[in-house]
Amino acid sequence: MNTPLTATVTGSVHSWDVSTGVDGPGTRFVVFLAGCPLRCQYCQNPDTWRMRPAQRTSLPDLWRIAAGYTRFIAVAGGGLTISGGEPLLQPAFTEALLRRAKEAGLHTALDTSGALGDRATDGLLDATDLVLLDIKSGDPATYRQVTGGGELAPTLRFARRLSDRGTPMWIRFVLVPGLTDAPDNVAAVARFVATLSTVQRVEVLPFHRLGAAKYAALGIDFPLADTPPPTADLVDRVRAQLRSHGLTVY
């Protein structure tokens, strides 16, 4: 049954998709919300940075689309993931959608940088079965360089809150040669993550340039246009470094 919150709230929705294996366990209905406060150098979706071009959507209208997939998703052991952009830029809509998915019996996941973690209410997190948390750097200066001036502390504070309240996490770390690959930076990520009690896995995501065409279409310079993907040896080194702290790493 829709509560007044779920019946009236609207959000800026960029797009939606059905995916398997990359946005949480099983087959997922993934909603990409528009708007993000960060400008990460390796962002593959610059078209999600701003809310204005996105379609303003009511929860009932979006759920009518999602409902067509819920039976298939449930049988496939999946659920619903809210991604972005940054979902916590729209916390009321994010909470309403997560609550609606829980009412339908779906597993729920929140894909976030954690930069706006203070905006997540306890109610929102109560409706979240899994947080896919991007820890972009373990070093504050590198974090600012990666994100265009963002601060690392809010993400670490959010991660600690999730751990203390018992919320499962998958940690994501994007590996960019010459930017995030320094051994000291990786070690800082590993040391912090190892103190969190609810981390189920750490995913090392090798940088790629597949989003370069979007930058060109938007007339935006891609900061890492000349940066190569990491070599297999570099990926192996970083994964081994994380595993050395007792973490399950993919």
C-alpha atoms as a PDB file:
ATOM      1  CA  MET A   1       0.000   0.000   0.000  1.00  0.00           C
ATOM      2  CA  ASN A   2       1.332   3.448  -0.875  1.00  0.00           C
ATOM      3  CA  THR A   3       1.938   5.806   2.041  1.00  0.00           C
ATOM      4  CA  PRO A   4       1.461   9.566   1.521  1.00  0.00           C
ATOM      5  CA  LEU A   5       5.233   9.816   1.038  1.00  0.00           C
ATOM      6  CA  THR A   6       5.381   7.278  -1.765  1.00  0.00           C
ATOM      7  CA  ALA A   7       2.211   8.575  -3.362  1.00  0.00           C
ATOM      8  CA  THR A   8       3.362  12.178  -3.738  1.00  0.00           C
ATOM      9  CA  VAL A   9       7.153  12.288  -3.993  1.00  0.00           C
ATOM     10  CA  THR A  10       8.787  12.846  -7.378  1.00  0.00           C
ATOM     11  CA  GLY A  11      12.360  12.573  -8.538  1.00  0.00           C
ATOM     12  CA  SER A  12      14.657  13.509 -11.389  1.00  0.00           C
ATOM     13  CA  VAL A  13      15.209  10.178 -13.128  1.00  0.00           C
ATOM     14  CA  HIS A  14      17.862   9.927 -15.799  1.00  0.00           C
ATOM     15  CA  SER A  15      17.117   6.371 -16.983  1.00  0.00           C
ATOM     16  CA  TRP A  16      16.578   2.787 -15.905  1.00  0.00           C
ATOM     17  CA  ASP A  17      17.954  -0.576 -16.993  1.00  0.00           C
ATOM     18  CA  VAL A  18      17.919  -4.278 -16.188  1.00  0.00           C
ATOM     19  CA  SER A  19      21.367  -5.715 -15.513  1.00  0.00           C
ATOM     20  CA  THR A  20      23.013  -8.804 -14.082  1.00  0.00           C
ATOM     21  CA  GLY A  21      26.113  -9.051 -11.928  1.00  0.00           C
ATOM     22  CA  VAL A  22      27.291  -5.429 -11.771  1.00  0.00           C
ATOM     23  CA  ASP A  23      24.778  -3.555  -9.583  1.00  0.00           C
ATOM     24  CA  GLY A  24      24.324  -6.005  -6.731  1.00  0.00           C
ATOM     25  CA  PRO A  25      23.460  -9.696  -6.475  1.00  0.00           C
ATOM     26  CA  GLY A  26      21.396 -11.341  -9.197  1.00  0.00           C
ATOM     27  CA  THR A  27      19.388  -9.603 -11.884  1.00  0.00           C
ATOM     28  CA  ARG A  28      18.564  -6.008 -10.942  1.00  0.00           C
ATOM     29  CA  PHE A  29      16.133  -3.315 -11.972  1.00  0.00           C
ATOM     30  CA  VAL A  30      18.475  -0.323 -11.815  1.00  0.00           C
ATOM     31  CA  VAL A  31      17.190   3.240 -11.545  1.00  0.00           C
ATOM     32  CA  PHE A  32      19.697   5.970 -12.407  1.00  0.00           C
ATOM     33  CA  LEU A  33      18.837   9.248 -10.715  1.00  0.00           C
ATOM     34  CA  ALA A  34      20.116  12.555 -12.095  1.00  0.00           C
ATOM     35  CA  GLY A  35      22.380  14.979 -10.287  1.00  0.00           C
ATOM     36  CA  CYS A  36      25.758  14.586  -8.593  1.00  0.00           C
ATOM     37  CA  PRO A  37      27.841  16.994  -6.484  1.00  0.00           C
ATOM     38  CA  LEU A  38      31.151  15.403  -7.523  1.00  0.00           C
ATOM     39  CA  ARG A  39      33.065  15.696 -10.788  1.00  0.00           C
ATOM     40  CA  CYS A  40      35.175  12.575 -10.761  1.00  0.00           C
ATOM     41  CA  GLN A  41      37.876  12.536 -13.403  1.00  0.00           C
ATOM     42  CA  TYR A  42      36.979   8.984 -14.420  1.00  0.00           C
ATOM     43  CA  CYS A  43      33.185   9.409 -14.410  1.00  0.00           C
ATOM     44  CA  GLN A  44      31.665   7.454 -17.284  1.00  0.00           C
ATOM     45  CA  ASN A  45      28.268   9.168 -17.120  1.00  0.00           C
ATOM     46  CA  PRO A  46      28.675  12.951 -17.289  1.00  0.00           C
ATOM     47  CA  ASP A  47      25.130  13.085 -18.652  1.00  0.00           C
ATOM     48  CA  THR A  48      23.899  12.318 -15.103  1.00  0.00           C
ATOM     49  CA  TRP A  49      25.634  15.278 -13.440  1.00  0.00           C
ATOM     50  CA  ARG A  50      22.729  17.709 -13.643  1.00  0.00           C
ATOM     51  CA  MET A  51      19.062  17.323 -12.781  1.00  0.00           C
ATOM     52  CA  ARG A  52      17.629  19.821 -15.242  1.00  0.00           C
ATOM     53  CA  PRO A  53      17.689  17.646 -18.405  1.00  0.00           C
ATOM     54  CA  ALA A  54      16.228  14.657 -16.585  1.00  0.00           C
ATOM     55  CA  GLN A  55      12.626  13.594 -16.604  1.00  0.00           C
ATOM     56  CA  ARG A  56      10.685  14.496 -13.453  1.00  0.00           C
ATOM     57  CA  THR A  57       8.957  11.269 -12.493  1.00  0.00           C
ATOM     58  CA  SER A  58       6.448  10.354  -9.812  1.00  0.00           C
ATOM     59  CA  LEU A  59       6.999   7.206  -7.809  1.00  0.00           C
ATOM     60  CA  PRO A  60       3.752   5.561  -9.019  1.00  0.00           C
ATOM     61  CA  ASP A  61       4.738   6.162 -12.658  1.00  0.00           C
ATOM     62  CA  LEU A  62       8.212   4.699 -12.131  1.00  0.00           C
ATOM     63  CA  TRP A  63       6.867   1.762 -10.161  1.00  0.00           C
ATOM     64  CA  ARG A  64       4.476   0.867 -12.952  1.00  0.00           C
ATOM     65  CA  ILE A  65       7.562   0.248 -15.091  1.00  0.00           C
ATOM     66  CA  ALA A  66       9.473  -1.616 -12.390  1.00  0.00           C
ATOM     67  CA  ALA A  67       6.476  -3.782 -11.545  1.00  0.00           C
ATOM     68  CA  GLY A  68       6.662  -5.367 -14.981  1.00  0.00           C
ATOM     69  CA  TYR A  69      10.006  -6.908 -13.990  1.00  0.00           C
ATOM     70  CA  THR A  70       9.519  -7.743 -10.324  1.00  0.00           C
ATOM     71  CA  ARG A  71       8.414 -11.348 -10.793  1.00  0.00           C
ATOM     72  CA  PHE A  72      11.294 -12.148 -13.134  1.00  0.00           C
ATOM     73  CA  ILE A  73      13.786 -10.371 -10.850  1.00  0.00           C
ATOM     74  CA  ALA A  74      12.546 -12.173  -7.748  1.00  0.00           C
ATOM     75  CA  VAL A  75      12.839 -15.568  -9.450  1.00  0.00           C
ATOM     76  CA  ALA A  76      16.349 -14.647 -10.626  1.00  0.00           C
ATOM     77  CA  GLY A  77      17.427 -13.848  -7.061  1.00  0.00           C
ATOM     78  CA  GLY A  78      17.904 -10.165  -7.752  1.00  0.00           C
ATOM     79  CA  GLY A  79      16.289  -6.923  -6.705  1.00  0.00           C
ATOM     80  CA  LEU A  80      16.229  -3.182  -7.212  1.00  0.00           C
ATOM     81  CA  THR A  81      19.255  -0.880  -7.171  1.00  0.00           C
ATOM     82  CA  ILE A  82      19.204   2.907  -7.055  1.00  0.00           C
ATOM     83  CA  SER A  83      22.249   4.472  -8.693  1.00  0.00           C
ATOM     84  CA  GLY A  84      23.080   7.763 -10.348  1.00  0.00           C
ATOM     85  CA  GLY A  85      24.350  10.339 -10.485  1.00  0.00           C
ATOM     86  CA  GLU A  86      24.155  10.398  -6.709  1.00  0.00           C
ATOM     87  CA  PRO A  87      20.926   9.011  -5.207  1.00  0.00           C
ATOM     88  CA  LEU A  88      21.405  10.814  -1.898  1.00  0.00           C
ATOM     89  CA  LEU A  89      21.066  14.138  -3.689  1.00  0.00           C
ATOM     90  CA  GLN A  90      17.378  13.119  -3.785  1.00  0.00           C
ATOM     91  CA  PRO A  91      16.956  11.383  -0.415  1.00  0.00           C
ATOM     92  CA  ALA A  92      13.151  11.581  -0.175  1.00  0.00           C
ATOM     93  CA  PHE A  93      12.618   9.982  -3.584  1.00  0.00           C
ATOM     94  CA  THR A  94      15.345   7.422  -2.921  1.00  0.00           C
ATOM     95  CA  GLU A  95      13.784   6.434   0.390  1.00  0.00           C
ATOM     96  CA  ALA A  96      10.305   6.190  -1.109  1.00  0.00           C
ATOM     97  CA  LEU A  97      11.486   3.955  -3.943  1.00  0.00           C
ATOM     98  CA  LEU A  98      13.482   1.704  -1.622  1.00  0.00           C
ATOM     99  CA  ARG A  99      10.481   1.377   0.681  1.00  0.00           C
ATOM    100  CA  ARG A 100       8.201   0.526  -2.238  1.00  0.00           C
ATOM    101  CA  ALA A 101      10.608  -2.150  -3.433  1.00  0.00           C
ATOM    102  CA  LYS A 102      10.790  -3.638   0.064  1.00  0.00           C
ATOM    103  CA  GLU A 103       6.982  -3.723   0.218  1.00  0.00           C
ATOM    104  CA  ALA A 104       7.106  -5.759  -2.996  1.00  0.00           C
ATOM    105  CA  GLY A 105       9.518  -8.229  -1.398  1.00  0.00           C
ATOM    106  CA  LEU A 106      12.572  -7.215  -3.414  1.00  0.00           C
ATOM    107  CA  HIS A 107      16.171  -7.063  -2.247  1.00  0.00           C
ATOM    108  CA  THR A 108      17.274  -3.408  -2.297  1.00  0.00           C
ATOM    109  CA  ALA A 109      20.641  -1.804  -2.960  1.00  0.00           C
ATOM    110  CA  LEU A 110      21.913   1.762  -2.852  1.00  0.00           C
ATOM    111  CA  ASP A 111      24.869   2.695  -5.080  1.00  0.00           C
ATOM    112  CA  THR A 112      26.488   5.822  -3.647  1.00  0.00           C
ATOM    113  CA  SER A 113      29.723   7.738  -3.205  1.00  0.00           C
ATOM    114  CA  GLY A 114      28.766   8.364   0.411  1.00  0.00           C
ATOM    115  CA  ALA A 115      29.636  12.047  -0.017  1.00  0.00           C
ATOM    116  CA  LEU A 116      26.073  12.943   0.996  1.00  0.00           C
ATOM    117  CA  GLY A 117      25.717  10.137   3.512  1.00  0.00           C
ATOM    118  CA  ASP A 118      24.544  12.527   6.210  1.00  0.00           C
ATOM    119  CA  ARG A 119      21.352  12.995   4.164  1.00  0.00           C
ATOM    120  CA  ALA A 120      20.422   9.316   4.486  1.00  0.00           C
ATOM    121  CA  THR A 121      17.810   8.960   7.206  1.00  0.00           C
ATOM    122  CA  ASP A 122      17.588   5.877   9.374  1.00  0.00           C
ATOM    123  CA  GLY A 123      14.331   5.128   7.547  1.00  0.00           C
ATOM    124  CA  LEU A 124      16.102   5.159   4.204  1.00  0.00           C
ATOM    125  CA  LEU A 125      18.795   2.822   5.491  1.00  0.00           C
ATOM    126  CA  ASP A 126      16.206   0.552   7.129  1.00  0.00           C
ATOM    127  CA  ALA A 127      14.820   0.021   3.620  1.00  0.00           C
ATOM    128  CA  THR A 128      18.294  -0.738   2.188  1.00  0.00           C
ATOM    129  CA  ASP A 129      19.579  -4.323   2.205  1.00  0.00           C
ATOM    130  CA  LEU A 130      22.978  -3.515   0.677  1.00  0.00           C
ATOM    131  CA  VAL A 131      25.073  -0.406   0.085  1.00  0.00           C
ATOM    132  CA  LEU A 132      27.461  -0.335  -2.879  1.00  0.00           C
ATOM    133  CA  LEU A 133      29.888   2.243  -1.513  1.00  0.00           C
ATOM    134  CA  ASP A 134      32.507   3.932  -3.692  1.00  0.00           C
ATOM    135  CA  ILE A 135      35.616   4.700  -1.681  1.00  0.00           C
ATOM    136  CA  LYS A 136      37.495   6.627  -4.303  1.00  0.00           C
ATOM    137  CA  SER A 137      40.689   7.161  -2.327  1.00  0.00           C
ATOM    138  CA  GLY A 138      42.177   6.575   1.084  1.00  0.00           C
ATOM    139  CA  ASP A 139      44.117   9.836   0.989  1.00  0.00           C
ATOM    140  CA  PRO A 140      42.198  13.117   1.362  1.00  0.00           C
ATOM    141  CA  ALA A 141      44.392  15.012  -1.119  1.00  0.00           C
ATOM    142  CA  THR A 142      44.003  12.290  -3.746  1.00  0.00           C
ATOM    143  CA  TYR A 143      40.256  12.226  -3.093  1.00  0.00           C
ATOM    144  CA  ARG A 144      40.041  15.951  -3.816  1.00  0.00           C
ATOM    145  CA  GLN A 145      42.030  15.440  -7.017  1.00  0.00           C
ATOM    146  CA  VAL A 146      39.833  12.543  -8.142  1.00  0.00           C
ATOM    147  CA  THR A 147      36.506  14.241  -7.380  1.00  0.00           C
ATOM    148  CA  GLY A 148      37.184  17.838  -8.343  1.00  0.00           C
ATOM    149  CA  GLY A 149      37.399  19.143  -4.797  1.00  0.00           C
ATOM    150  CA  GLY A 150      35.287  16.752  -2.741  1.00  0.00           C
ATOM    151  CA  GLU A 151      36.162  15.755   0.819  1.00  0.00           C
ATOM    152  CA  LEU A 152      36.843  12.185   1.904  1.00  0.00           C
ATOM    153  CA  ALA A 153      35.629  12.522   5.503  1.00  0.00           C
ATOM    154  CA  PRO A 154      31.857  12.305   4.783  1.00  0.00           C
ATOM    155  CA  THR A 155      32.308   8.995   2.948  1.00  0.00           C
ATOM    156  CA  LEU A 156      34.339   7.518   5.793  1.00  0.00           C
ATOM    157  CA  ARG A 157      31.795   8.767   8.321  1.00  0.00           C
ATOM    158  CA  PHE A 158      28.961   7.175   6.327  1.00  0.00           C
ATOM    159  CA  ALA A 159      30.844   3.882   6.041  1.00  0.00           C
ATOM    160  CA  ARG A 160      31.392   3.811   9.798  1.00  0.00           C
ATOM    161  CA  ARG A 161      27.694   4.503  10.382  1.00  0.00           C
ATOM    162  CA  LEU A 162      26.715   1.633   8.069  1.00  0.00           C
ATOM    163  CA  SER A 163      29.086  -0.709   9.862  1.00  0.00           C
ATOM    164  CA  ASP A 164      27.809   0.314  13.297  1.00  0.00           C
ATOM    165  CA  ARG A 165      24.167  -0.226  12.299  1.00  0.00           C
ATOM    166  CA  GLY A 166      24.899  -3.617  10.658  1.00  0.00           C
ATOM    167  CA  THR A 167      24.207  -2.657   7.032  1.00  0.00           C
ATOM    168  CA  PRO A 168      25.992  -4.927   4.514  1.00  0.00           C
ATOM    169  CA  MET A 169      28.402  -3.193   2.141  1.00  0.00           C
ATOM    170  CA  TRP A 170      30.225  -3.896  -1.080  1.00  0.00           C
ATOM    171  CA  ILE A 171      33.152  -1.481  -1.370  1.00  0.00           C
ATOM    172  CA  ARG A 172      34.135  -0.273  -4.826  1.00  0.00           C
ATOM    173  CA  PHE A 173      37.518   1.188  -5.718  1.00  0.00           C
ATOM    174  CA  VAL A 174      38.247   2.485  -9.218  1.00  0.00           C
ATOM    175  CA  LEU A 175      41.860   1.833 -10.169  1.00  0.00           C
ATOM    176  CA  VAL A 176      43.338   4.565 -12.363  1.00  0.00           C
ATOM    177  CA  PRO A 177      47.026   4.472 -13.308  1.00  0.00           C
ATOM    178  CA  GLY A 178      48.800   7.556 -12.066  1.00  0.00           C
ATOM    179  CA  LEU A 179      45.803   8.732 -10.042  1.00  0.00           C
ATOM    180  CA  THR A 180      44.554   6.170  -7.499  1.00  0.00           C
ATOM    181  CA  ASP A 181      47.167   3.410  -7.809  1.00  0.00           C
ATOM    182  CA  ALA A 182      49.836   4.671  -5.376  1.00  0.00           C
ATOM    183  CA  PRO A 183      50.641   1.928  -2.843  1.00  0.00           C
ATOM    184  CA  ASP A 184      50.135   4.327   0.091  1.00  0.00           C
ATOM    185  CA  ASN A 185      46.700   5.314  -1.218  1.00  0.00           C
ATOM    186  CA  VAL A 186      45.608   1.704  -1.664  1.00  0.00           C
ATOM    187  CA  ALA A 187      46.974   0.841   1.768  1.00  0.00           C
ATOM    188  CA  ALA A 188      44.929   3.637   3.339  1.00  0.00           C
ATOM    189  CA  VAL A 189      41.770   2.277   1.709  1.00  0.00           C
ATOM    190  CA  ALA A 190      42.608  -1.249   2.881  1.00  0.00           C
ATOM    191  CA  ARG A 191      43.347  -0.231   6.465  1.00  0.00           C
ATOM    192  CA  PHE A 192      40.076   1.651   6.801  1.00  0.00           C
ATOM    193  CA  VAL A 193      37.881  -0.948   5.112  1.00  0.00           C
ATOM    194  CA  ALA A 194      39.382  -3.689   7.278  1.00  0.00           C
ATOM    195  CA  THR A 195      37.928  -1.928  10.348  1.00  0.00           C
ATOM    196  CA  LEU A 196      34.364  -2.152   9.018  1.00  0.00           C
ATOM    197  CA  SER A 197      32.407  -5.163  10.276  1.00  0.00           C
ATOM    198  CA  THR A 198      29.823  -5.496   7.485  1.00  0.00           C
ATOM    199  CA  VAL A 199      31.937  -5.380   4.315  1.00  0.00           C
ATOM    200  CA  GLN A 200      31.176  -8.484   2.275  1.00  0.00           C
ATOM    201  CA  ARG A 201      33.554  -7.791  -0.609  1.00  0.00           C
ATOM    202  CA  VAL A 202      35.818  -5.199  -2.197  1.00  0.00           C
ATOM    203  CA  GLU A 203      35.602  -4.737  -5.953  1.00  0.00           C
ATOM    204  CA  VAL A 204      38.599  -3.301  -7.809  1.00  0.00           C
ATOM    205  CA  LEU A 205      37.177  -1.683 -10.931  1.00  0.00           C
ATOM    206  CA  PRO A 206      39.805  -1.093 -13.633  1.00  0.00           C
ATOM    207  CA  PHE A 207      39.518   2.328 -15.259  1.00  0.00           C
ATOM    208  CA  HIS A 208      38.324   2.411 -18.872  1.00  0.00           C
ATOM    209  CA  ARG A 209      37.566   5.103 -21.446  1.00  0.00           C
ATOM    210  CA  LEU A 210      34.217   3.798 -22.707  1.00  0.00           C
ATOM    211  CA  GLY A 211      32.455   7.006 -21.646  1.00  0.00           C
ATOM    212  CA  ALA A 212      34.678   9.277 -23.756  1.00  0.00           C
ATOM    213  CA  ALA A 213      32.033   9.594 -26.472  1.00  0.00           C
ATOM    214  CA  LYS A 214      29.577  11.080 -23.956  1.00  0.00           C
ATOM    215  CA  TYR A 215      32.050  13.824 -23.081  1.00  0.00           C
ATOM    216  CA  ALA A 216      32.523  14.599 -26.755  1.00  0.00           C
ATOM    217  CA  ALA A 217      28.769  14.739 -27.350  1.00  0.00           C
ATOM    218  CA  LEU A 218      28.341  17.133 -24.401  1.00  0.00           C
ATOM    219  CA  GLY A 219      31.282  19.291 -25.440  1.00  0.00           C
ATOM    220  CA  ILE A 220      33.151  18.509 -22.206  1.00  0.00           C
ATOM    221  CA  ASP A 221      36.842  17.671 -21.998  1.00  0.00           C
ATOM    222  CA  PHE A 222      37.490  14.158 -20.680  1.00  0.00           C
ATOM    223  CA  PRO A 223      40.295  14.619 -18.118  1.00  0.00           C
ATOM    224  CA  LEU A 224      41.635  11.093 -18.556  1.00  0.00           C
ATOM    225  CA  ALA A 225      41.449  10.877 -22.337  1.00  0.00           C
ATOM    226  CA  ASP A 226      45.131   9.953 -22.539  1.00  0.00           C
ATOM    227  CA  THR A 227      45.223   7.646 -19.507  1.00  0.00           C
ATOM    228  CA  PRO A 228      45.520   3.942 -20.354  1.00  0.00           C
ATOM    229  CA  PRO A 229      43.591   1.234 -18.523  1.00  0.00           C
ATOM    230  CA  PRO A 230      45.588  -0.480 -15.767  1.00  0.00           C
ATOM    231  CA  THR A 231      47.684  -3.458 -16.743  1.00  0.00           C
ATOM    232  CA  ALA A 232      46.810  -6.900 -15.457  1.00  0.00           C
ATOM    233  CA  ASP A 233      49.920  -6.781 -13.258  1.00  0.00           C
ATOM    234  CA  LEU A 234      48.773  -3.523 -11.652  1.00  0.00           C
ATOM    235  CA  VAL A 235      45.288  -4.885 -11.015  1.00  0.00           C
ATOM    236  CA  ASP A 236      46.792  -8.006  -9.447  1.00  0.00           C
ATOM    237  CA  ARG A 237      49.102  -5.907  -7.235  1.00  0.00           C
ATOM    238  CA  VAL A 238      46.247  -3.789  -5.916  1.00  0.00           C
ATOM    239  CA  ARG A 239      43.984  -6.764  -5.290  1.00  0.00           C
ATOM    240  CA  ALA A 240      46.796  -8.556  -3.453  1.00  0.00           C
ATOM    241  CA  GLN A 241      47.441  -5.453  -1.366  1.00  0.00           C
ATOM    242  CA  LEU A 242      43.785  -5.340  -0.317  1.00  0.00           C
ATOM    243  CA  ARG A 243      43.680  -9.091   0.375  1.00  0.00           C
ATOM    244  CA  SER A 244      46.699  -8.749   2.650  1.00  0.00           C
ATOM    245  CA  HIS A 245      44.384  -6.928   5.076  1.00  0.00           C
ATOM    246  CA  GLY A 246      42.020  -9.899   5.251  1.00  0.00           C
ATOM    247  CA  LEU A 247      39.503  -8.547   2.736  1.00  0.00           C
ATOM    248  CA  THR A 248      37.536 -10.565   0.170  1.00  0.00           C
ATOM    249  CA  VAL A 249      38.514  -8.941  -3.123  1.00  0.00           C
ATOM    250  CA  TYR A 250      37.247  -9.230  -6.684  1.00  0.00           C
END
